[in-house]
Amino acid sequence: MSKLLTKAFAEASKLPESEQEALAAWILEELAADRRWQEALTDSGEFLAQLADEAVSEHREHRTQALDPDTL
């Protein structure tokens, strides 16, 4: 464990138990959310590449139009 994380846990251990529980739950949820995000990005690479290929193809076939920010 890193020195900074050890220091953070030492400080957290001084909190009342209810705040320690809330902090622990928050950390675990953040780690789980990060894991889900990484999995989603990993799994979507092929799909995003396919979408990009379709967009390039449509642009080459002149089936796209420039976006006007004033009309968005």
N, C-alpha and C. Protein backbone atom coordinates (compact mmCIF):
# COMPACT_ATOMS: atom_id res chain seq x y z
N MET A 1 0.86 -1.17 0.00
CA MET A 1 0.00 0.00 0.00
C MET A 1 0.91 1.24 0.00
N SER A 2 0.51 2.25 -0.73
CA SER A 2 1.32 3.46 -0.81
C SER A 2 1.30 4.23 0.51
N LYS A 3 2.29 5.09 0.67
CA LYS A 3 2.37 5.90 1.90
C LYS A 3 1.16 6.83 2.00
N LEU A 4 0.75 7.39 0.87
CA LEU A 4 -0.37 8.33 0.89
C LEU A 4 -1.67 7.62 1.27
N LEU A 5 -1.87 6.44 0.72
CA LEU A 5 -3.09 5.69 1.04
C LEU A 5 -3.07 5.26 2.50
N THR A 6 -1.91 4.85 2.99
CA THR A 6 -1.79 4.50 4.40
C THR A 6 -2.13 5.69 5.28
N LYS A 7 -1.64 6.87 4.91
CA LYS A 7 -1.93 8.09 5.67
C LYS A 7 -3.43 8.40 5.64
N ALA A 8 -4.04 8.25 4.45
CA ALA A 8 -5.47 8.52 4.32
C ALA A 8 -6.30 7.58 5.19
N PHE A 9 -5.93 6.30 5.20
CA PHE A 9 -6.65 5.33 6.03
C PHE A 9 -6.43 5.61 7.52
N ALA A 10 -5.23 6.06 7.87
CA ALA A 10 -4.96 6.40 9.28
C ALA A 10 -5.84 7.56 9.71
N GLU A 11 -5.97 8.55 8.85
CA GLU A 11 -6.84 9.69 9.18
C GLU A 11 -8.30 9.26 9.23
N ALA A 12 -8.70 8.42 8.30
CA ALA A 12 -10.08 7.95 8.27
C ALA A 12 -10.41 7.14 9.51
N SER A 13 -9.41 6.44 10.05
CA SER A 13 -9.67 5.62 11.24
C SER A 13 -9.98 6.46 12.46
N LYS A 14 -9.71 7.76 12.39
CA LYS A 14 -10.02 8.67 13.51
C LYS A 14 -11.46 9.16 13.46
N LEU A 15 -12.13 8.93 12.36
CA LEU A 15 -13.52 9.37 12.20
C LEU A 15 -14.44 8.48 13.03
N PRO A 16 -15.63 9.00 13.35
CA PRO A 16 -16.62 8.15 14.01
C PRO A 16 -16.97 6.96 13.10
N GLU A 17 -17.39 5.87 13.69
CA GLU A 17 -17.64 4.64 12.93
C GLU A 17 -18.63 4.86 11.79
N SER A 18 -19.67 5.64 12.03
CA SER A 18 -20.67 5.85 10.97
C SER A 18 -20.05 6.57 9.77
N GLU A 19 -19.13 7.50 10.02
CA GLU A 19 -18.47 8.19 8.92
C GLU A 19 -17.46 7.28 8.23
N GLN A 20 -16.82 6.39 8.98
CA GLN A 20 -15.91 5.41 8.37
C GLN A 20 -16.70 4.49 7.44
N GLU A 21 -17.87 4.06 7.90
CA GLU A 21 -18.71 3.18 7.06
C GLU A 21 -19.13 3.89 5.79
N ALA A 22 -19.52 5.16 5.90
CA ALA A 22 -19.95 5.93 4.73
C ALA A 22 -18.78 6.11 3.76
N LEU A 23 -17.60 6.42 4.30
CA LEU A 23 -16.43 6.60 3.45
C LEU A 23 -16.05 5.29 2.76
N ALA A 24 -16.09 4.20 3.50
CA ALA A 24 -15.76 2.89 2.92
C ALA A 24 -16.75 2.53 1.81
N ALA A 25 -18.03 2.77 2.05
CA ALA A 25 -19.04 2.47 1.03
C ALA A 25 -18.81 3.32 -0.22
N TRP A 26 -18.47 4.58 -0.01
CA TRP A 26 -18.22 5.48 -1.14
C TRP A 26 -17.01 5.01 -1.94
N ILE A 27 -15.92 4.66 -1.25
CA ILE A 27 -14.71 4.19 -1.93
C ILE A 27 -15.01 2.93 -2.74
N LEU A 28 -15.69 1.99 -2.14
CA LEU A 28 -16.01 0.74 -2.83
C LEU A 28 -16.89 0.99 -4.06
N GLU A 29 -17.85 1.89 -3.93
CA GLU A 29 -18.72 2.19 -5.08
C GLU A 29 -17.92 2.89 -6.18
N GLU A 30 -17.03 3.78 -5.82
CA GLU A 30 -16.20 4.45 -6.83
C GLU A 30 -15.31 3.44 -7.56
N LEU A 31 -14.73 2.52 -6.82
CA LEU A 31 -13.89 1.49 -7.44
C LEU A 31 -14.72 0.61 -8.39
N ALA A 32 -15.92 0.26 -7.95
CA ALA A 32 -16.79 -0.56 -8.80
C ALA A 32 -17.21 0.21 -10.05
N ALA A 33 -17.53 1.49 -9.88
CA ALA A 33 -17.94 2.32 -11.02
C ALA A 33 -16.77 2.45 -12.01
N ASP A 34 -15.56 2.63 -11.49
CA ASP A 34 -14.39 2.73 -12.35
C ASP A 34 -14.18 1.43 -13.11
N ARG A 35 -14.36 0.30 -12.44
CA ARG A 35 -14.22 -1.01 -13.09
C ARG A 35 -15.25 -1.17 -14.20
N ARG A 36 -16.51 -0.77 -13.91
CA ARG A 36 -17.56 -0.87 -14.94
C ARG A 36 -17.24 0.03 -16.13
N TRP A 37 -16.75 1.23 -15.85
CA TRP A 37 -16.41 2.17 -16.91
C TRP A 37 -15.30 1.60 -17.79
N GLN A 38 -14.26 1.04 -17.17
CA GLN A 38 -13.16 0.45 -17.93
C GLN A 38 -13.64 -0.72 -18.78
N GLU A 39 -14.52 -1.54 -18.23
CA GLU A 39 -15.06 -2.67 -19.00
C GLU A 39 -15.88 -2.17 -20.18
N ALA A 40 -16.68 -1.13 -19.96
CA ALA A 40 -17.50 -0.58 -21.04
C ALA A 40 -16.63 -0.02 -22.15
N LEU A 41 -15.56 0.67 -21.79
CA LEU A 41 -14.67 1.22 -22.82
C LEU A 41 -13.94 0.12 -23.57
N THR A 42 -13.51 -0.90 -22.85
CA THR A 42 -12.82 -2.01 -23.48
C THR A 42 -13.73 -2.73 -24.46
N ASP A 43 -14.96 -2.97 -24.04
CA ASP A 43 -15.91 -3.70 -24.87
C ASP A 43 -16.43 -2.89 -26.04
N SER A 44 -16.33 -1.57 -25.98
CA SER A 44 -16.94 -0.75 -27.01
C SER A 44 -15.98 -0.38 -28.14
N GLY A 45 -14.72 -0.74 -28.02
CA GLY A 45 -13.73 -0.33 -29.03
C GLY A 45 -14.09 -0.77 -30.43
N GLU A 46 -14.46 -2.03 -30.59
CA GLU A 46 -14.81 -2.54 -31.92
C GLU A 46 -16.06 -1.84 -32.46
N PHE A 47 -17.04 -1.64 -31.60
CA PHE A 47 -18.28 -0.98 -32.01
C PHE A 47 -18.00 0.46 -32.42
N LEU A 48 -17.18 1.17 -31.65
CA LEU A 48 -16.85 2.56 -31.99
C LEU A 48 -16.09 2.63 -33.30
N ALA A 49 -15.21 1.68 -33.54
CA ALA A 49 -14.47 1.64 -34.81
C ALA A 49 -15.43 1.45 -35.97
N GLN A 50 -16.43 0.60 -35.78
CA GLN A 50 -17.44 0.36 -36.83
C GLN A 50 -18.23 1.64 -37.11
N LEU A 51 -18.62 2.34 -36.04
CA LEU A 51 -19.35 3.59 -36.23
C LEU A 51 -18.49 4.63 -36.96
N ALA A 52 -17.21 4.68 -36.62
CA ALA A 52 -16.31 5.63 -37.28
C ALA A 52 -16.19 5.30 -38.76
N ASP A 53 -16.06 4.02 -39.08
CA ASP A 53 -15.98 3.61 -40.49
C ASP A 53 -17.24 4.01 -41.25
N GLU A 54 -18.39 3.82 -40.62
CA GLU A 54 -19.65 4.20 -41.27
C GLU A 54 -19.71 5.71 -41.49
N ALA A 55 -19.26 6.48 -40.51
CA ALA A 55 -19.29 7.94 -40.64
C ALA A 55 -18.38 8.40 -41.77
N VAL A 56 -17.20 7.83 -41.86
CA VAL A 56 -16.27 8.19 -42.92
C VAL A 56 -16.87 7.83 -44.28
N SER A 57 -17.46 6.66 -44.38
CA SER A 57 -18.07 6.22 -45.63
C SER A 57 -19.19 7.17 -46.05
N GLU A 58 -20.05 7.53 -45.10
CA GLU A 58 -21.15 8.45 -45.42
C GLU A 58 -20.61 9.81 -45.85
N HIS A 59 -19.53 10.26 -45.22
CA HIS A 59 -18.95 11.55 -45.59
C HIS A 59 -18.38 11.49 -47.01
N ARG A 60 -17.69 10.41 -47.35
CA ARG A 60 -17.12 10.26 -48.69
C ARG A 60 -18.21 10.19 -49.76
N GLU A 61 -19.38 9.68 -49.37
CA GLU A 61 -20.50 9.59 -50.31
C GLU A 61 -21.34 10.86 -50.30
N HIS A 62 -20.85 11.89 -49.65
CA HIS A 62 -21.52 13.20 -49.56
C HIS A 62 -22.92 13.08 -48.96
N ARG A 63 -23.06 12.17 -48.00
CA ARG A 63 -24.36 12.00 -47.34
C ARG A 63 -24.37 12.67 -45.96
N THR A 64 -23.42 13.57 -45.73
CA THR A 64 -23.36 14.29 -44.46
C THR A 64 -23.50 15.77 -44.75
N GLN A 65 -23.76 16.51 -43.70
CA GLN A 65 -23.82 17.95 -43.85
C GLN A 65 -23.15 18.61 -42.65
N ALA A 66 -22.62 19.78 -42.88
CA ALA A 66 -21.93 20.52 -41.81
C ALA A 66 -22.95 20.93 -40.74
N LEU A 67 -22.50 20.87 -39.50
CA LEU A 67 -23.35 21.31 -38.40
C LEU A 67 -23.23 22.82 -38.23
N ASP A 68 -24.34 23.46 -38.02
CA ASP A 68 -24.36 24.88 -37.73
C ASP A 68 -24.62 25.05 -36.24
N PRO A 69 -23.62 25.48 -35.47
CA PRO A 69 -23.79 25.61 -34.02
C PRO A 69 -24.96 26.52 -33.62
N ASP A 70 -25.29 27.46 -34.49
CA ASP A 70 -26.38 28.39 -34.17
C ASP A 70 -27.74 27.72 -34.24
N THR A 71 -27.84 26.58 -34.90
CA THR A 71 -29.14 25.91 -35.03
C THR A 71 -29.26 24.70 -34.12
N LEU A 72 -28.23 24.44 -33.31
CA LEU A 72 -28.27 23.29 -32.40
C LEU A 72 -29.12 23.60 -31.17
